[in-house]
């Protein structure tokens, strides 16, 4: 029995440009169906095991969303998500499972993930992706307005946006192909422009604006 319910909700989203999604799923049919939905949203990487997922997570500093099955052959998908949160604390995540036990649902919630019980509706998956993309587009727009206001350079703007998305300095440096010391110097210049005492201080008002607080 397939873990996906195709349903009938029309086309799946619009072309949102280059985005990267990680699907961690050992069921070939479910993985293919998820990839079919995701193709209009961006690039999809599929990992069929926990080990492959960890390798994939380490290859990119930024993911648009994570879709993770709990019942992997070599690990719990929730353990994979917990590890992913160390590098990607704010990346939208969707947990897929046949397990409707409270402990599983509560742990997914604690890890900041949405949760669907298989067989999952393709419409619900598409709705999650639309919401994730819209939130990231809003974050990008807020960061751009902030960068324009304080006349940040392209490098400073990129660092600020990555920090808002939860990336640490080492991850930012790796993603930019720069040394941590170079990023540190760029952060100092950024803070001189914004008047903040720390990068976290510069990020805080952006997060409030993104949240509409």
C-alpha atoms as a PDB file:
ATOM      1  CA  UNK A   1       0.000   0.000   0.000  1.00  0.00           C
ATOM      2  CA  UNK A   2       1.384   3.372  -0.998  1.00  0.00           C
ATOM      3  CA  UNK A   3       2.106   5.951   1.680  1.00  0.00           C
ATOM      4  CA  UNK A   4       0.699   8.705  -0.528  1.00  0.00           C
ATOM      5  CA  UNK A   5      -2.881   9.609  -1.349  1.00  0.00           C
ATOM      6  CA  UNK A   6      -2.796  11.532  -4.673  1.00  0.00           C
ATOM      7  CA  UNK A   7      -6.108  13.231  -4.024  1.00  0.00           C
ATOM      8  CA  UNK A   8      -7.338  15.937  -6.392  1.00  0.00           C
ATOM      9  CA  UNK A   9      -6.151  19.467  -5.666  1.00  0.00           C
ATOM     10  CA  UNK A  10      -5.088  20.648  -9.099  1.00  0.00           C
ATOM     11  CA  UNK A  11      -1.534  21.690  -9.955  1.00  0.00           C
ATOM     12  CA  UNK A  12       1.122  21.850  -7.301  1.00  0.00           C
ATOM     13  CA  UNK A  13       2.280  25.404  -6.794  1.00  0.00           C
ATOM     14  CA  UNK A  14       4.192  27.697  -9.074  1.00  0.00           C
ATOM     15  CA  UNK A  15       7.844  27.715 -10.107  1.00  0.00           C
ATOM     16  CA  UNK A  16       9.545  29.387  -7.159  1.00  0.00           C
ATOM     17  CA  UNK A  17      13.027  29.442  -8.647  1.00  0.00           C
ATOM     18  CA  UNK A  18      16.053  27.554  -7.417  1.00  0.00           C
ATOM     19  CA  UNK A  19      15.358  25.942  -4.059  1.00  0.00           C
ATOM     20  CA  UNK A  20      16.639  22.746  -2.503  1.00  0.00           C
ATOM     21  CA  UNK A  21      14.488  20.173  -0.708  1.00  0.00           C
ATOM     22  CA  UNK A  22      15.628  17.055   1.105  1.00  0.00           C
ATOM     23  CA  UNK A  23      13.362  13.993   1.079  1.00  0.00           C
ATOM     24  CA  UNK A  24      14.363  11.242   3.518  1.00  0.00           C
ATOM     25  CA  UNK A  25      12.190   8.264   2.577  1.00  0.00           C
ATOM     26  CA  UNK A  26      12.971   4.568   2.020  1.00  0.00           C
ATOM     27  CA  UNK A  27       9.712   3.741   0.222  1.00  0.00           C
ATOM     28  CA  UNK A  28      10.432   4.190  -3.504  1.00  0.00           C
ATOM     29  CA  UNK A  29       6.796   4.882  -4.382  1.00  0.00           C
ATOM     30  CA  UNK A  30       6.385   7.569  -1.714  1.00  0.00           C
ATOM     31  CA  UNK A  31       9.743   9.112  -2.649  1.00  0.00           C
ATOM     32  CA  UNK A  32       8.715   9.304  -6.322  1.00  0.00           C
ATOM     33  CA  UNK A  33       5.367  10.872  -5.454  1.00  0.00           C
ATOM     34  CA  UNK A  34       7.009  13.466  -3.213  1.00  0.00           C
ATOM     35  CA  UNK A  35       9.562  14.259  -5.922  1.00  0.00           C
ATOM     36  CA  UNK A  36       6.710  14.733  -8.392  1.00  0.00           C
ATOM     37  CA  UNK A  37       5.102  17.312  -6.107  1.00  0.00           C
ATOM     38  CA  UNK A  38       8.407  19.028  -5.372  1.00  0.00           C
ATOM     39  CA  UNK A  39       9.570  19.431  -8.964  1.00  0.00           C
ATOM     40  CA  UNK A  40       7.627  22.685  -9.395  1.00  0.00           C
ATOM     41  CA  UNK A  41       9.183  24.075  -6.204  1.00  0.00           C
ATOM     42  CA  UNK A  42      12.871  23.414  -6.844  1.00  0.00           C
ATOM     43  CA  UNK A  43      15.578  20.755  -6.734  1.00  0.00           C
ATOM     44  CA  UNK A  44      14.949  17.576  -4.742  1.00  0.00           C
ATOM     45  CA  UNK A  45      17.580  15.367  -3.139  1.00  0.00           C
ATOM     46  CA  UNK A  46      16.340  11.928  -2.003  1.00  0.00           C
ATOM     47  CA  UNK A  47      18.011   9.912   0.756  1.00  0.00           C
ATOM     48  CA  UNK A  48      16.715   6.395   1.497  1.00  0.00           C
ATOM     49  CA  UNK A  49      18.618   5.880   4.757  1.00  0.00           C
ATOM     50  CA  UNK A  50      19.562   7.877   7.816  1.00  0.00           C
ATOM     51  CA  UNK A  51      23.246   7.684   6.891  1.00  0.00           C
ATOM     52  CA  UNK A  52      22.551   9.079   3.421  1.00  0.00           C
ATOM     53  CA  UNK A  53      20.426  11.843   4.955  1.00  0.00           C
ATOM     54  CA  UNK A  54      23.224  12.907   7.289  1.00  0.00           C
ATOM     55  CA  UNK A  55      25.637  13.054   4.360  1.00  0.00           C
ATOM     56  CA  UNK A  56      23.166  15.132   2.347  1.00  0.00           C
ATOM     57  CA  UNK A  57      22.532  17.514   5.246  1.00  0.00           C
ATOM     58  CA  UNK A  58      26.256  18.174   5.518  1.00  0.00           C
ATOM     59  CA  UNK A  59      26.569  19.113   1.834  1.00  0.00           C
ATOM     60  CA  UNK A  60      24.383  22.228   1.928  1.00  0.00           C
ATOM     61  CA  UNK A  61      24.248  25.197   4.265  1.00  0.00           C
ATOM     62  CA  UNK A  62      20.648  25.932   3.316  1.00  0.00           C
ATOM     63  CA  UNK A  63      17.581  23.811   2.582  1.00  0.00           C
ATOM     64  CA  UNK A  64      14.169  25.151   1.668  1.00  0.00           C
ATOM     65  CA  UNK A  65      12.429  22.318   3.544  1.00  0.00           C
ATOM     66  CA  UNK A  66      13.025  18.852   4.961  1.00  0.00           C
ATOM     67  CA  UNK A  67      10.546  15.983   4.432  1.00  0.00           C
ATOM     68  CA  UNK A  68      11.492  13.067   6.669  1.00  0.00           C
ATOM     69  CA  UNK A  69       9.989   9.610   7.139  1.00  0.00           C
ATOM     70  CA  UNK A  70      10.228   8.291  10.702  1.00  0.00           C
ATOM     71  CA  UNK A  71      10.636   4.594   9.857  1.00  0.00           C
ATOM     72  CA  UNK A  72      14.021   4.449   8.139  1.00  0.00           C
ATOM     73  CA  UNK A  73      15.895   1.126   7.834  1.00  0.00           C
ATOM     74  CA  UNK A  74      18.917   2.287   9.854  1.00  0.00           C
ATOM     75  CA  UNK A  75      17.618   5.083  12.085  1.00  0.00           C
ATOM     76  CA  UNK A  76      14.616   6.987  13.339  1.00  0.00           C
ATOM     77  CA  UNK A  77      13.740   9.913  11.151  1.00  0.00           C
ATOM     78  CA  UNK A  78      13.177  11.918  14.328  1.00  0.00           C
ATOM     79  CA  UNK A  79      16.802  11.332  15.317  1.00  0.00           C
ATOM     80  CA  UNK A  80      17.851  12.559  11.872  1.00  0.00           C
ATOM     81  CA  UNK A  81      15.712  15.666  12.306  1.00  0.00           C
ATOM     82  CA  UNK A  82      17.193  16.284  15.749  1.00  0.00           C
ATOM     83  CA  UNK A  83      20.661  16.196  14.211  1.00  0.00           C
ATOM     84  CA  UNK A  84      19.532  18.421  11.347  1.00  0.00           C
ATOM     85  CA  UNK A  85      18.320  21.036  13.807  1.00  0.00           C
ATOM     86  CA  UNK A  86      21.933  21.631  14.910  1.00  0.00           C
ATOM     87  CA  UNK A  87      22.735  22.998  11.449  1.00  0.00           C
ATOM     88  CA  UNK A  88      19.274  24.033  10.241  1.00  0.00           C
ATOM     89  CA  UNK A  89      17.314  25.196  13.308  1.00  0.00           C
ATOM     90  CA  UNK A  90      14.655  27.153  11.392  1.00  0.00           C
ATOM     91  CA  UNK A  91      14.277  25.125   8.198  1.00  0.00           C
ATOM     92  CA  UNK A  92      10.641  24.056   7.680  1.00  0.00           C
ATOM     93  CA  UNK A  93      10.280  20.322   8.297  1.00  0.00           C
ATOM     94  CA  UNK A  94       7.531  17.790   7.617  1.00  0.00           C
ATOM     95  CA  UNK A  95       7.588  14.429   9.401  1.00  0.00           C
ATOM     96  CA  UNK A  96       5.866  11.498   7.650  1.00  0.00           C
ATOM     97  CA  UNK A  97       5.020   8.298   9.476  1.00  0.00           C
ATOM     98  CA  UNK A  98       2.522   5.493   9.972  1.00  0.00           C
ATOM     99  CA  UNK A  99       2.910   5.935  13.733  1.00  0.00           C
ATOM    100  CA  UNK A 100       0.175   8.018  15.344  1.00  0.00           C
ATOM    101  CA  UNK A 101       1.445   7.556  18.909  1.00  0.00           C
ATOM    102  CA  UNK A 102       1.509  10.654  21.098  1.00  0.00           C
ATOM    103  CA  UNK A 103       5.222  10.292  21.889  1.00  0.00           C
ATOM    104  CA  UNK A 104       6.116  10.456  18.197  1.00  0.00           C
ATOM    105  CA  UNK A 105       3.819  13.389  17.497  1.00  0.00           C
ATOM    106  CA  UNK A 106       5.052  15.292  20.542  1.00  0.00           C
ATOM    107  CA  UNK A 107       8.703  14.797  19.627  1.00  0.00           C
ATOM    108  CA  UNK A 108       8.073  16.051  16.106  1.00  0.00           C
ATOM    109  CA  UNK A 109       6.392  19.114  17.622  1.00  0.00           C
ATOM    110  CA  UNK A 110       9.342  19.666  19.976  1.00  0.00           C
ATOM    111  CA  UNK A 111      11.655  19.622  16.963  1.00  0.00           C
ATOM    112  CA  UNK A 112       9.591  22.306  15.250  1.00  0.00           C
ATOM    113  CA  UNK A 113       8.138  20.045  12.574  1.00  0.00           C
ATOM    114  CA  UNK A 114       4.773  19.591  10.928  1.00  0.00           C
ATOM    115  CA  UNK A 115       3.395  16.057  11.077  1.00  0.00           C
ATOM    116  CA  UNK A 116       1.400  13.850   8.701  1.00  0.00           C
ATOM    117  CA  UNK A 117       0.303  10.228   9.163  1.00  0.00           C
ATOM    118  CA  UNK A 118       0.575   7.939   6.112  1.00  0.00           C
ATOM    119  CA  UNK A 119      -1.003   7.563   3.694  1.00  0.00           C
ATOM    120  CA  UNK A 120      -0.493  11.308   3.363  1.00  0.00           C
ATOM    121  CA  UNK A 121      -2.519  13.561   1.126  1.00  0.00           C
ATOM    122  CA  UNK A 122      -0.592  15.109  -1.759  1.00  0.00           C
ATOM    123  CA  UNK A 123      -2.670  18.247  -1.218  1.00  0.00           C
ATOM    124  CA  UNK A 124      -1.463  18.533   2.372  1.00  0.00           C
ATOM    125  CA  UNK A 125       2.152  18.106   1.300  1.00  0.00           C
ATOM    126  CA  UNK A 126       1.716  20.794  -1.358  1.00  0.00           C
ATOM    127  CA  UNK A 127       0.093  23.110   1.196  1.00  0.00           C
ATOM    128  CA  UNK A 128       3.058  22.643   3.553  1.00  0.00           C
ATOM    129  CA  UNK A 129       5.473  23.478   0.724  1.00  0.00           C
ATOM    130  CA  UNK A 130       3.532  26.581  -0.317  1.00  0.00           C
ATOM    131  CA  UNK A 131       3.569  27.801   3.284  1.00  0.00           C
ATOM    132  CA  UNK A 132       7.290  27.095   3.666  1.00  0.00           C
ATOM    133  CA  UNK A 133       8.171  28.905   0.449  1.00  0.00           C
ATOM    134  CA  UNK A 134       5.951  31.889   1.265  1.00  0.00           C
ATOM    135  CA  UNK A 135       7.548  32.260   4.702  1.00  0.00           C
ATOM    136  CA  UNK A 136      11.040  32.188   3.216  1.00  0.00           C
ATOM    137  CA  UNK A 137      10.081  34.706   0.533  1.00  0.00           C
ATOM    138  CA  UNK A 138       8.801  37.014   3.271  1.00  0.00           C
ATOM    139  CA  UNK A 139      12.027  36.573   5.238  1.00  0.00           C
ATOM    140  CA  UNK A 140      14.070  37.414   2.140  1.00  0.00           C
ATOM    141  CA  UNK A 141      12.017  40.556   1.497  1.00  0.00           C
ATOM    142  CA  UNK A 142      12.371  41.745   5.113  1.00  0.00           C
ATOM    143  CA  UNK A 143      16.143  41.195   5.057  1.00  0.00           C
ATOM    144  CA  UNK A 144      16.456  43.045   1.733  1.00  0.00           C
ATOM    145  CA  UNK A 145      14.561  46.047   3.095  1.00  0.00           C
ATOM    146  CA  UNK A 146      16.799  46.050   6.168  1.00  0.00           C
ATOM    147  CA  UNK A 147      19.941  45.834   4.016  1.00  0.00           C
ATOM    148  CA  UNK A 148      18.743  48.745   1.884  1.00  0.00           C
ATOM    149  CA  UNK A 149      17.925  50.833   4.960  1.00  0.00           C
ATOM    150  CA  UNK A 150      21.422  50.425   6.401  1.00  0.00           C
ATOM    151  CA  UNK A 151      23.256  50.371   3.038  1.00  0.00           C
ATOM    152  CA  UNK A 152      24.721  46.940   3.617  1.00  0.00           C
ATOM    153  CA  UNK A 153      27.056  45.450   1.043  1.00  0.00           C
ATOM    154  CA  UNK A 154      26.029  42.317  -0.838  1.00  0.00           C
ATOM    155  CA  UNK A 155      28.234  40.234   1.462  1.00  0.00           C
ATOM    156  CA  UNK A 156      26.796  41.817   4.610  1.00  0.00           C
ATOM    157  CA  UNK A 157      23.250  41.339   3.321  1.00  0.00           C
ATOM    158  CA  UNK A 158      23.934  37.660   2.617  1.00  0.00           C
ATOM    159  CA  UNK A 159      25.435  37.137   6.079  1.00  0.00           C
ATOM    160  CA  UNK A 160      22.442  38.826   7.698  1.00  0.00           C
ATOM    161  CA  UNK A 161      19.944  36.720   5.732  1.00  0.00           C
ATOM    162  CA  UNK A 162      21.767  33.508   6.590  1.00  0.00           C
ATOM    163  CA  UNK A 163      21.855  34.491  10.265  1.00  0.00           C
ATOM    164  CA  UNK A 164      18.113  35.166  10.209  1.00  0.00           C
ATOM    165  CA  UNK A 165      17.624  31.661   8.807  1.00  0.00           C
ATOM    166  CA  UNK A 166      19.509  30.233  11.754  1.00  0.00           C
ATOM    167  CA  UNK A 167      22.941  29.557  10.269  1.00  0.00           C
ATOM    168  CA  UNK A 168      25.918  29.937  12.609  1.00  0.00           C
ATOM    169  CA  UNK A 169      29.123  31.743  11.686  1.00  0.00           C
ATOM    170  CA  UNK A 170      31.016  28.589  10.730  1.00  0.00           C
ATOM    171  CA  UNK A 171      28.160  27.475   8.461  1.00  0.00           C
ATOM    172  CA  UNK A 172      27.962  30.963   6.944  1.00  0.00           C
ATOM    173  CA  UNK A 173      31.685  30.974   6.267  1.00  0.00           C
ATOM    174  CA  UNK A 174      31.532  27.522   4.655  1.00  0.00           C
ATOM    175  CA  UNK A 175      28.552  28.475   2.488  1.00  0.00           C
ATOM    176  CA  UNK A 176      30.250  31.677   1.331  1.00  0.00           C
ATOM    177  CA  UNK A 177      33.602  29.998   0.726  1.00  0.00           C
ATOM    178  CA  UNK A 178      35.209  32.416   3.187  1.00  0.00           C
ATOM    179  CA  UNK A 179      37.283  31.952   6.312  1.00  0.00           C
ATOM    180  CA  UNK A 180      35.581  32.480   9.691  1.00  0.00           C
ATOM    181  CA  UNK A 181      37.925  35.426  10.249  1.00  0.00           C
ATOM    182  CA  UNK A 182      36.739  37.099   7.037  1.00  0.00           C
ATOM    183  CA  UNK A 183      33.108  36.644   8.071  1.00  0.00           C
ATOM    184  CA  UNK A 184      33.951  38.044  11.523  1.00  0.00           C
ATOM    185  CA  UNK A 185      35.378  41.203   9.928  1.00  0.00           C
ATOM    186  CA  UNK A 186      32.303  41.556   7.692  1.00  0.00           C
ATOM    187  CA  UNK A 187      30.028  41.151  10.720  1.00  0.00           C
ATOM    188  CA  UNK A 188      31.930  43.930  12.531  1.00  0.00           C
ATOM    189  CA  UNK A 189      31.334  46.267   9.573  1.00  0.00           C
ATOM    190  CA  UNK A 190      27.677  45.215   9.424  1.00  0.00           C
ATOM    191  CA  UNK A 191      27.198  46.024  13.116  1.00  0.00           C
ATOM    192  CA  UNK A 192      28.861  49.401  12.720  1.00  0.00           C
ATOM    193  CA  UNK A 193      26.200  50.245  10.141  1.00  0.00           C
ATOM    194  CA  UNK A 194      23.222  48.917  12.111  1.00  0.00           C
ATOM    195  CA  UNK A 195      24.409  50.093  15.527  1.00  0.00           C
ATOM    196  CA  UNK A 196      23.885  46.676  17.122  1.00  0.00           C
ATOM    197  CA  UNK A 197      26.225  45.066  19.657  1.00  0.00           C
ATOM    198  CA  UNK A 198      26.079  41.563  18.163  1.00  0.00           C
ATOM    199  CA  UNK A 199      24.866  39.660  15.128  1.00  0.00           C
ATOM    200  CA  UNK A 200      22.084  38.200  17.290  1.00  0.00           C
ATOM    201  CA  UNK A 201      21.088  41.749  18.175  1.00  0.00           C
ATOM    202  CA  UNK A 202      20.894  42.669  14.496  1.00  0.00           C
ATOM    203  CA  UNK A 203      18.853  39.557  13.710  1.00  0.00           C
ATOM    204  CA  UNK A 204      16.328  39.977  16.553  1.00  0.00           C
ATOM    205  CA  UNK A 205      14.279  42.858  15.041  1.00  0.00           C
ATOM    206  CA  UNK A 206      14.146  41.067  11.695  1.00  0.00           C
ATOM    207  CA  UNK A 207      12.775  37.935  13.320  1.00  0.00           C
ATOM    208  CA  UNK A 208      10.128  40.022  15.076  1.00  0.00           C
ATOM    209  CA  UNK A 209       9.173  41.663  11.789  1.00  0.00           C
ATOM    210  CA  UNK A 210       9.026  38.307  10.008  1.00  0.00           C
ATOM    211  CA  UNK A 211       6.777  37.008  12.782  1.00  0.00           C
ATOM    212  CA  UNK A 212       4.632  40.135  12.607  1.00  0.00           C
ATOM    213  CA  UNK A 213       5.316  41.000  16.242  1.00  0.00           C
END
